[in-house]
Amino acid sequence: MEPSLASYLALSGILFTIGAVGVTFKRNAIGMFMCIELMLNAVNLTFVAFARYYGDVTGQLFVFMVMSVAAAEAAVGLGIIIAFFRNKESVDVDDASLMRN
């Protein structure tokens, strides 16, 4: 028995909601970063589910584009987090507002 489109979309919605709640309530930059990646993976699951349902590969091509953006975001984001940690010895996002001065 193959899962239906609705079950894939429900799973994707749950993953996206967990990611959105995590970004909203986390104070740790690494945790927020992981929640953003979870949200991107939820969108990828939706693209693949619709591509499979409609029998079109366009959704899978969008997944490759999202994955390349996520890889670039991971490289830049982790570089910024490492630089911030070296300066403040903390990854708390409340401390990041101190960098404006």
Protein backbone atom coordinates (compact mmCIF):
# COMPACT_ATOMS: atom_id res chain seq x y z
CA MET A 1 0.00 0.00 0.00
CA GLU A 2 1.47 3.31 -1.09
CA PRO A 3 1.00 6.43 1.04
CA SER A 4 -1.33 9.01 -0.46
CA LEU A 5 -0.52 12.59 -1.41
CA ALA A 6 -2.40 13.82 1.66
CA SER A 7 -0.15 11.86 4.02
CA TYR A 8 2.97 13.35 2.42
CA LEU A 9 1.51 16.83 2.64
CA ALA A 10 0.48 16.29 6.26
CA LEU A 11 4.01 15.15 7.15
CA SER A 12 5.45 18.13 5.30
CA GLY A 13 3.11 20.49 7.15
CA ILE A 14 4.08 19.00 10.50
CA LEU A 15 7.80 19.32 9.72
CA PHE A 16 7.38 22.90 8.53
CA THR A 17 5.39 23.80 11.65
CA ILE A 18 8.04 22.29 13.92
CA GLY A 19 10.69 24.29 12.07
CA ALA A 20 8.70 27.54 12.26
CA VAL A 21 8.05 27.11 15.98
CA GLY A 22 11.72 26.33 16.51
CA VAL A 23 12.85 29.46 14.68
CA THR A 24 10.37 31.54 16.64
CA PHE A 25 11.23 30.29 20.11
CA LYS A 26 14.88 29.18 19.95
CA ARG A 27 17.53 31.53 21.33
CA ASN A 28 20.44 29.45 20.11
CA ALA A 29 21.74 30.30 16.63
CA ILE A 30 22.63 26.68 15.87
CA GLY A 31 19.13 25.53 16.84
CA MET A 32 17.56 28.21 14.69
CA PHE A 33 19.82 27.20 11.82
CA MET A 34 18.71 23.57 12.14
CA CYS A 35 15.05 24.61 12.21
CA ILE A 36 15.48 26.60 8.99
CA GLU A 37 17.00 23.51 7.38
CA LEU A 38 14.02 21.47 8.61
CA MET A 39 11.66 23.95 6.97
CA LEU A 40 13.58 23.71 3.69
CA ASN A 41 13.38 19.91 3.82
CA ALA A 42 9.62 20.12 4.42
CA VAL A 43 9.28 22.20 1.27
CA ASN A 44 11.43 19.69 -0.62
CA LEU A 45 9.13 16.88 0.51
CA THR A 46 6.14 18.82 -0.80
CA PHE A 47 7.83 19.41 -4.17
CA VAL A 48 8.69 15.72 -4.54
CA ALA A 49 5.20 14.62 -3.46
CA PHE A 50 3.53 16.83 -6.05
CA ALA A 51 6.04 15.81 -8.72
CA ARG A 52 5.27 12.15 -8.07
CA TYR A 53 1.51 12.74 -7.94
CA TYR A 54 1.39 14.62 -11.24
CA GLY A 55 4.09 12.54 -12.94
CA ASP A 56 6.20 15.60 -13.74
CA VAL A 57 9.88 16.11 -12.95
CA THR A 58 9.61 19.89 -12.50
CA GLY A 59 9.14 19.53 -8.75
CA GLN A 60 12.29 17.45 -8.52
CA LEU A 61 14.22 20.12 -10.41
CA PHE A 62 13.03 22.67 -7.87
CA VAL A 63 14.30 20.38 -5.12
CA PHE A 64 17.79 20.52 -6.62
CA MET A 65 17.60 24.31 -6.68
CA VAL A 66 16.44 24.44 -3.06
CA MET A 67 19.21 22.04 -2.06
CA SER A 68 21.84 24.20 -3.73
CA VAL A 69 20.51 27.31 -1.96
CA ALA A 70 20.48 25.38 1.33
CA ALA A 71 24.10 24.33 0.80
CA ALA A 72 25.15 27.92 0.16
CA GLU A 73 23.13 29.07 3.16
CA ALA A 74 24.80 26.42 5.31
CA ALA A 75 28.27 27.55 4.30
CA VAL A 76 27.60 31.24 4.84
CA GLY A 77 25.45 30.76 7.93
CA LEU A 78 27.93 28.52 9.72
CA GLY A 79 30.75 30.93 8.83
CA ILE A 80 28.83 33.80 10.43
CA ILE A 81 28.01 31.71 13.50
CA ILE A 82 31.67 30.68 13.92
CA ALA A 83 32.83 34.29 13.55
CA PHE A 84 30.25 35.43 16.11
CA PHE A 85 31.28 32.68 18.53
CA ARG A 86 34.93 33.67 18.26
CA ASN A 87 34.08 37.27 19.15
CA LYS A 88 31.48 36.76 21.89
CA GLU A 89 32.05 33.11 22.94
CA SER A 90 28.30 32.59 22.76
CA VAL A 91 25.79 31.57 20.09
CA ASP A 92 22.82 33.21 21.81
CA VAL A 93 20.92 35.39 19.36
CA ASP A 94 20.22 37.98 22.06
CA ASP A 95 23.95 38.69 22.16
CA ALA A 96 23.95 39.36 18.41
CA SER A 97 22.21 42.71 18.92
CA LEU A 98 25.36 43.88 20.70
CA MET A 99 27.29 43.66 17.44
CA ARG A 100 25.44 46.69 16.02
CA ASN A 101 27.33 49.10 18.27
